[in-house]
Amino acid sequence: MKLICADGHLELANSLGKLLNAEVITPEHRLFPDGEHYYRLDGDFFNEDVVLLSHLHQPNEKAIGLLFLAGHLRDVGARSVGLVAPYLAYMRQDIRFKEGECITSRYFAGLISNAFNYLVTIDPHLHRYHSLNEIYRIPNRALHATNLIGEYIKRMIPNALIIGPDAESAQWAEGVAEAAQCEFLVFEKTRKGDRDVSVAMPDLSCYADAQPVLVDDIISTGRTLVETAEGLVEAGLRPAICIGVHPVLAEGAEITLNNPAIANWLSCNTIPHASNAIDVSYLLAPAIAAMMAEIIL
């Protein structure tokens, strides 16, 4: 097996390479003066099983590079070419909210399905889709980081109280709490705009000694986490620890999260960032091996 690190996330690539006994390769890449991509891969890929690793945060340039690399690998005779995208982009637009809008999730899925034999990802944003099979035509695995996060909390955060900031995070909070063997609560969020949210608080007086831990799949603007954490402090609880799977971090998010109501915030290493504290390679590796065995058979 050969693993191509297409996104510069060498820490995750090397960890996966060890677990899978795979050779890790970094492609030569540069831009021509007009912005076109140049790629070159060292090695013989004939009849090899190849994994392309890319987190697909800020996806546009990464995605076209993946298509070029996948095409090249097929041209030189690779037996299988799989995509491992710990963070999967283009899941937001799943219907036409307004007349004339492009359903980009479907079109992006079509491009990936044409280029790769299989897809492995972690906690894709499945809002109106029930599964990736609704839009991806290739075998796929949508893994869940709840157990990894729960195990981290159980090991590192005593007396934790898991909190989901909104109804969408209910399954998240419950799954993490089950793995961490602690209680959980889910609040109600009202969104007034892209960066304006409010969170309704229940009576929390019985949790005064607990350590609140806010969990969510994506940390984007950080406003929901801050709004929730501030409400917890006002209710008499400690500053919260915030944990997200994907540190997407819109512009200004880190400044927003630097708030007295937040004791610390951390993430899984699906997207490389200084907040990475939970390694997903042990989640990805067995899924990649199983998917490759299925494809080959």
Protein backbone atom coordinates (compact mmCIF):
# COMPACT_ATOMS: atom_id res chain seq x y z
CA MET A 1 0.00 0.00 0.00
CA LYS A 2 1.14 3.55 -0.73
CA LEU A 3 -0.26 6.63 1.01
CA ILE A 4 0.04 9.99 -0.69
CA CYS A 5 -0.10 13.00 1.62
CA ALA A 6 -1.79 15.53 -0.65
CA ASP A 7 -2.57 18.20 1.95
CA GLY A 8 0.66 18.68 3.94
CA HIS A 9 -0.81 17.01 7.05
CA LEU A 10 2.28 14.84 7.50
CA GLU A 11 1.68 14.12 11.19
CA LEU A 12 -1.56 12.30 10.39
CA ALA A 13 -0.09 10.74 7.22
CA ASN A 14 2.91 9.30 9.07
CA SER A 15 0.72 7.94 11.85
CA LEU A 16 -1.54 6.25 9.30
CA GLY A 17 1.47 4.98 7.37
CA LYS A 18 2.77 3.18 10.47
CA LEU A 19 -0.59 1.66 11.32
CA LEU A 20 -1.19 0.49 7.74
CA ASN A 21 2.42 -0.46 6.98
CA ALA A 22 2.18 1.90 4.02
CA GLU A 23 4.85 3.94 2.28
CA VAL A 24 4.10 7.66 2.75
CA ILE A 25 4.75 9.79 -0.32
CA THR A 26 4.58 13.59 -0.65
CA PRO A 27 3.98 14.73 -4.22
CA GLU A 28 6.12 17.42 -5.80
CA HIS A 29 3.80 20.36 -6.31
CA ARG A 30 4.15 23.91 -7.58
CA LEU A 31 2.16 26.49 -9.49
CA PHE A 32 2.95 27.82 -12.94
CA PRO A 33 2.98 31.62 -13.33
CA ASP A 34 -0.67 31.55 -14.45
CA GLY A 35 -1.70 29.56 -11.36
CA GLU A 36 -2.00 26.14 -12.98
CA HIS A 37 -0.96 23.13 -10.88
CA TYR A 38 2.13 21.04 -11.56
CA TYR A 39 2.37 17.61 -9.87
CA ARG A 40 4.96 14.89 -9.98
CA LEU A 41 5.02 11.57 -8.10
CA ASP A 42 8.14 9.49 -7.51
CA GLY A 43 7.83 5.72 -7.56
CA ASP A 44 6.20 2.84 -9.41
CA PHE A 45 2.45 2.63 -8.84
CA PHE A 46 1.65 -0.17 -11.28
CA ASN A 47 -0.74 -2.66 -9.65
CA GLU A 48 -0.43 -0.82 -6.32
CA ASP A 49 -3.21 0.09 -3.90
CA VAL A 50 -2.95 3.84 -3.31
CA VAL A 51 -4.58 6.03 -0.70
CA LEU A 52 -4.81 9.79 -1.24
CA LEU A 53 -5.08 11.68 2.06
CA SER A 54 -6.54 15.19 2.05
CA HIS A 55 -8.63 16.96 4.67
CA LEU A 56 -10.40 19.16 2.08
CA HIS A 57 -10.65 22.23 4.31
CA GLN A 58 -10.61 25.25 1.99
CA PRO A 59 -11.36 22.69 -0.71
CA ASN A 60 -11.25 24.33 -4.11
CA GLU A 61 -7.54 24.09 -4.91
CA LYS A 62 -7.18 20.82 -3.02
CA ALA A 63 -10.04 19.19 -4.89
CA ILE A 64 -8.73 19.88 -8.38
CA GLY A 65 -5.30 18.63 -7.29
CA LEU A 66 -6.86 15.38 -6.06
CA LEU A 67 -8.57 14.88 -9.40
CA PHE A 68 -5.26 15.37 -11.22
CA LEU A 69 -3.42 12.95 -8.91
CA ALA A 70 -6.15 10.31 -9.18
CA GLY A 71 -6.10 10.58 -12.97
CA HIS A 72 -2.33 10.20 -13.04
CA LEU A 73 -2.41 7.14 -10.77
CA ARG A 74 -4.95 5.45 -13.03
CA ASP A 75 -2.83 6.27 -16.08
CA VAL A 76 0.22 4.59 -14.54
CA GLY A 77 -1.71 1.44 -13.64
CA ALA A 78 -2.61 1.69 -9.95
CA ARG A 79 -4.90 -1.18 -8.92
CA SER A 80 -7.07 0.98 -6.64
CA VAL A 81 -7.15 4.66 -5.73
CA GLY A 82 -9.02 5.60 -2.55
CA LEU A 83 -9.71 8.99 -1.03
CA VAL A 84 -9.39 9.51 2.72
CA ALA A 85 -10.85 12.91 3.56
CA PRO A 86 -11.03 13.26 7.36
CA TYR A 87 -13.02 16.44 6.76
CA LEU A 88 -15.32 16.20 3.74
CA ALA A 89 -16.17 19.48 2.04
CA TYR A 90 -19.22 20.45 -0.02
CA MET A 91 -21.90 18.93 2.19
CA ARG A 92 -23.61 22.24 3.06
CA GLN A 93 -25.73 22.86 -0.04
CA ASP A 94 -28.01 19.81 -0.06
CA ILE A 95 -31.17 21.47 -1.44
CA ARG A 96 -32.10 24.57 -3.39
CA PHE A 97 -32.92 27.08 -0.70
CA LYS A 98 -33.57 29.66 -3.44
CA GLU A 99 -34.54 29.18 -7.07
CA GLY A 100 -31.48 28.81 -9.28
CA GLU A 101 -29.03 27.63 -6.61
CA CYS A 102 -26.56 24.86 -7.47
CA ILE A 103 -26.76 21.75 -5.28
CA THR A 104 -22.98 21.63 -4.98
CA SER A 105 -22.94 18.60 -2.66
CA ARG A 106 -24.31 16.41 -5.46
CA TYR A 107 -22.01 17.78 -8.14
CA PHE A 108 -18.92 17.47 -5.95
CA ALA A 109 -19.90 13.90 -5.05
CA GLY A 110 -20.13 13.14 -8.76
CA LEU A 111 -16.59 14.37 -9.40
CA ILE A 112 -15.17 12.33 -6.51
CA SER A 113 -17.16 9.24 -7.50
CA ASN A 114 -15.75 9.40 -11.03
CA ALA A 115 -12.15 9.70 -9.83
CA PHE A 116 -11.86 7.29 -6.88
CA ASN A 117 -12.66 3.68 -5.98
CA TYR A 118 -13.82 4.47 -2.45
CA LEU A 119 -14.13 7.23 0.16
CA VAL A 120 -13.44 7.25 3.90
CA THR A 121 -14.35 10.29 6.00
CA ILE A 122 -15.22 11.30 9.56
CA ASP A 123 -18.52 12.82 10.66
CA PRO A 124 -19.60 14.44 7.40
CA HIS A 125 -22.28 17.09 7.80
CA LEU A 126 -25.28 14.92 6.93
CA HIS A 127 -28.15 17.33 7.43
CA ARG A 128 -30.86 16.37 4.94
CA TYR A 129 -29.04 13.34 3.54
CA HIS A 130 -29.45 10.17 5.56
CA SER A 131 -26.15 8.74 4.30
CA LEU A 132 -23.38 9.43 1.81
CA ASN A 133 -24.85 6.72 -0.43
CA GLU A 134 -27.53 9.20 -1.48
CA ILE A 135 -24.96 11.22 -3.44
CA TYR A 136 -21.76 9.12 -3.67
CA ARG A 137 -21.76 6.22 -6.14
CA ILE A 138 -18.62 4.59 -4.74
CA PRO A 139 -18.23 2.48 -1.57
CA ASN A 140 -17.79 4.76 1.41
CA ARG A 141 -17.38 4.83 5.17
CA ALA A 142 -18.61 7.73 7.32
CA LEU A 143 -16.85 7.17 10.63
CA HIS A 144 -17.78 8.76 13.96
CA ALA A 145 -15.38 10.35 16.44
CA THR A 146 -17.75 10.15 19.41
CA ASN A 147 -15.93 7.24 21.07
CA LEU A 148 -12.51 8.87 20.60
CA ILE A 149 -13.77 12.10 22.16
CA GLY A 150 -15.55 10.26 24.95
CA GLU A 151 -12.44 8.25 25.79
CA TYR A 152 -10.36 11.45 25.85
CA ILE A 153 -12.83 13.11 28.23
CA LYS A 154 -12.95 10.04 30.48
CA ARG A 155 -9.15 10.01 30.67
CA MET A 156 -8.40 13.75 30.83
CA ILE A 157 -11.39 15.66 32.25
CA PRO A 158 -12.67 14.64 35.70
CA ASN A 159 -16.32 15.19 36.69
CA ALA A 160 -17.32 16.11 33.13
CA LEU A 161 -20.81 17.18 32.14
CA ILE A 162 -21.31 16.86 28.36
CA ILE A 163 -23.35 19.63 26.79
CA GLY A 164 -24.70 19.86 23.26
CA PRO A 165 -25.39 23.50 22.38
CA ASP A 166 -28.35 22.73 20.10
CA ALA A 167 -30.76 20.02 18.97
CA GLU A 168 -28.49 19.04 16.06
CA SER A 169 -25.79 18.07 18.55
CA ALA A 170 -28.11 15.83 20.64
CA GLN A 171 -26.89 12.54 19.18
CA TRP A 172 -23.34 13.82 19.47
CA ALA A 173 -23.68 14.71 23.13
CA GLU A 174 -25.38 11.43 23.97
CA GLY A 175 -22.77 9.31 22.18
CA VAL A 176 -19.83 11.15 23.72
CA ALA A 177 -21.40 10.99 27.20
CA GLU A 178 -21.96 7.25 26.83
CA ALA A 179 -18.30 6.71 25.91
CA ALA A 180 -17.13 9.04 28.70
CA GLN A 181 -19.56 7.46 31.18
CA CYS A 182 -20.97 10.78 32.37
CA GLU A 183 -24.15 12.87 32.16
CA PHE A 184 -25.18 15.04 29.23
CA LEU A 185 -27.54 17.93 28.49
CA VAL A 186 -28.75 19.42 25.21
CA PHE A 187 -29.77 23.07 24.91
CA GLU A 188 -31.88 24.94 22.39
CA LYS A 189 -30.23 27.35 19.95
CA THR A 190 -31.87 30.14 17.96
CA ARG A 191 -29.92 31.36 14.93
CA LYS A 192 -30.60 34.96 13.92
CA GLY A 193 -27.88 35.13 11.27
CA ASP A 194 -24.58 33.55 10.17
CA ARG A 195 -22.77 35.01 13.22
CA ASP A 196 -25.67 35.78 15.59
CA VAL A 197 -27.03 33.01 17.83
CA SER A 198 -28.70 32.70 21.23
CA VAL A 199 -28.92 29.63 23.49
CA ALA A 200 -31.73 28.95 25.98
CA MET A 201 -30.52 27.74 29.42
CA PRO A 202 -32.39 25.39 31.80
CA ASP A 203 -31.89 25.40 35.59
CA LEU A 204 -28.30 24.18 36.17
CA SER A 205 -27.96 24.68 39.92
CA CYS A 206 -27.51 20.95 40.56
CA TYR A 207 -24.39 20.88 38.33
CA ALA A 208 -22.36 23.53 40.16
CA ASP A 209 -19.46 21.12 40.81
CA ALA A 210 -19.32 19.69 37.28
CA GLN A 211 -16.87 20.58 34.53
CA PRO A 212 -18.93 21.58 31.47
CA VAL A 213 -17.65 20.12 28.21
CA LEU A 214 -19.24 21.47 25.03
CA VAL A 215 -19.06 19.10 22.07
CA ASP A 216 -19.92 19.70 18.43
CA ASP A 217 -18.91 18.32 15.04
CA ILE A 218 -17.70 21.59 13.48
CA ILE A 219 -16.12 24.63 15.11
CA SER A 220 -16.74 27.36 12.56
CA THR A 221 -17.39 30.90 13.85
CA GLY A 222 -17.26 29.83 17.52
CA ARG A 223 -20.27 31.99 18.37
CA THR A 224 -22.51 29.09 19.46
CA LEU A 225 -19.82 27.76 21.80
CA VAL A 226 -19.14 31.18 23.30
CA GLU A 227 -22.83 31.98 23.72
CA THR A 228 -23.38 28.65 25.48
CA ALA A 229 -20.25 28.96 27.64
CA GLU A 230 -21.19 32.49 28.75
CA GLY A 231 -24.66 31.26 29.71
CA LEU A 232 -23.12 28.45 31.75
CA VAL A 233 -20.91 30.88 33.67
CA GLU A 234 -23.89 33.18 34.30
CA ALA A 235 -25.73 30.12 35.68
CA GLY A 236 -22.91 29.54 38.17
CA LEU A 237 -20.91 26.83 36.38
CA ARG A 238 -17.20 26.76 35.61
CA PRO A 239 -15.75 28.02 32.33
CA ALA A 240 -16.30 25.32 29.71
CA ILE A 241 -13.92 23.09 27.81
CA CYS A 242 -14.95 22.97 24.13
CA ILE A 243 -14.24 20.02 21.84
CA GLY A 244 -14.93 19.87 18.11
CA VAL A 245 -14.21 17.21 15.53
CA HIS A 246 -13.42 19.59 12.67
CA PRO A 247 -11.63 22.90 13.44
CA VAL A 248 -12.90 24.72 10.34
CA LEU A 249 -12.44 28.10 12.08
CA ALA A 250 -13.89 30.91 10.00
CA GLU A 251 -12.05 34.23 9.99
CA GLY A 252 -12.05 35.68 13.51
CA ALA A 253 -13.11 32.42 15.19
CA GLU A 254 -9.96 32.06 17.28
CA ILE A 255 -10.39 35.59 18.63
CA THR A 256 -14.03 34.79 19.43
CA LEU A 257 -13.03 31.62 21.28
CA ASN A 258 -10.47 33.52 23.37
CA ASN A 259 -13.19 34.23 25.92
CA PRO A 260 -13.09 34.04 29.75
CA ALA A 261 -16.10 31.69 29.66
CA ILE A 262 -14.00 29.11 27.77
CA ALA A 263 -11.25 27.43 29.80
CA ASN A 264 -9.82 25.60 26.79
CA TRP A 265 -10.85 24.46 23.33
CA LEU A 266 -9.47 21.57 21.37
CA SER A 267 -10.15 19.42 18.34
CA CYS A 268 -9.50 16.18 16.51
CA ASN A 269 -6.71 16.26 13.94
CA THR A 270 -9.06 15.95 10.96
CA ILE A 271 -7.77 19.41 9.94
CA PRO A 272 -4.25 20.38 11.08
CA HIS A 273 -4.34 23.07 13.77
CA ALA A 274 -2.63 23.92 17.07
CA SER A 275 -5.84 22.86 18.87
CA ASN A 276 -5.47 19.22 17.71
CA ALA A 277 -5.48 16.96 20.78
CA ILE A 278 -7.32 13.83 19.64
CA ASP A 279 -5.70 11.59 17.02
CA VAL A 280 -8.07 10.07 14.46
CA SER A 281 -5.52 7.77 12.82
CA TYR A 282 -6.61 4.85 15.01
CA LEU A 283 -10.16 5.39 13.77
CA LEU A 284 -9.20 5.75 10.11
CA ALA A 285 -6.66 2.94 9.73
CA PRO A 286 -8.94 -0.10 10.26
CA ALA A 287 -11.63 1.45 8.06
CA ILE A 288 -9.12 2.00 5.25
CA ALA A 289 -7.85 -1.57 5.53
CA ALA A 290 -11.40 -2.96 5.52
CA MET A 291 -12.43 -0.82 2.56
CA MET A 292 -9.36 -1.83 0.56
CA ALA A 293 -10.01 -5.52 1.24
CA GLU A 294 -13.61 -5.07 0.10
CA ILE A 295 -12.55 -3.29 -3.11
CA ILE A 296 -9.91 -5.88 -3.98
CA LEU A 297 -12.28 -8.79 -3.40
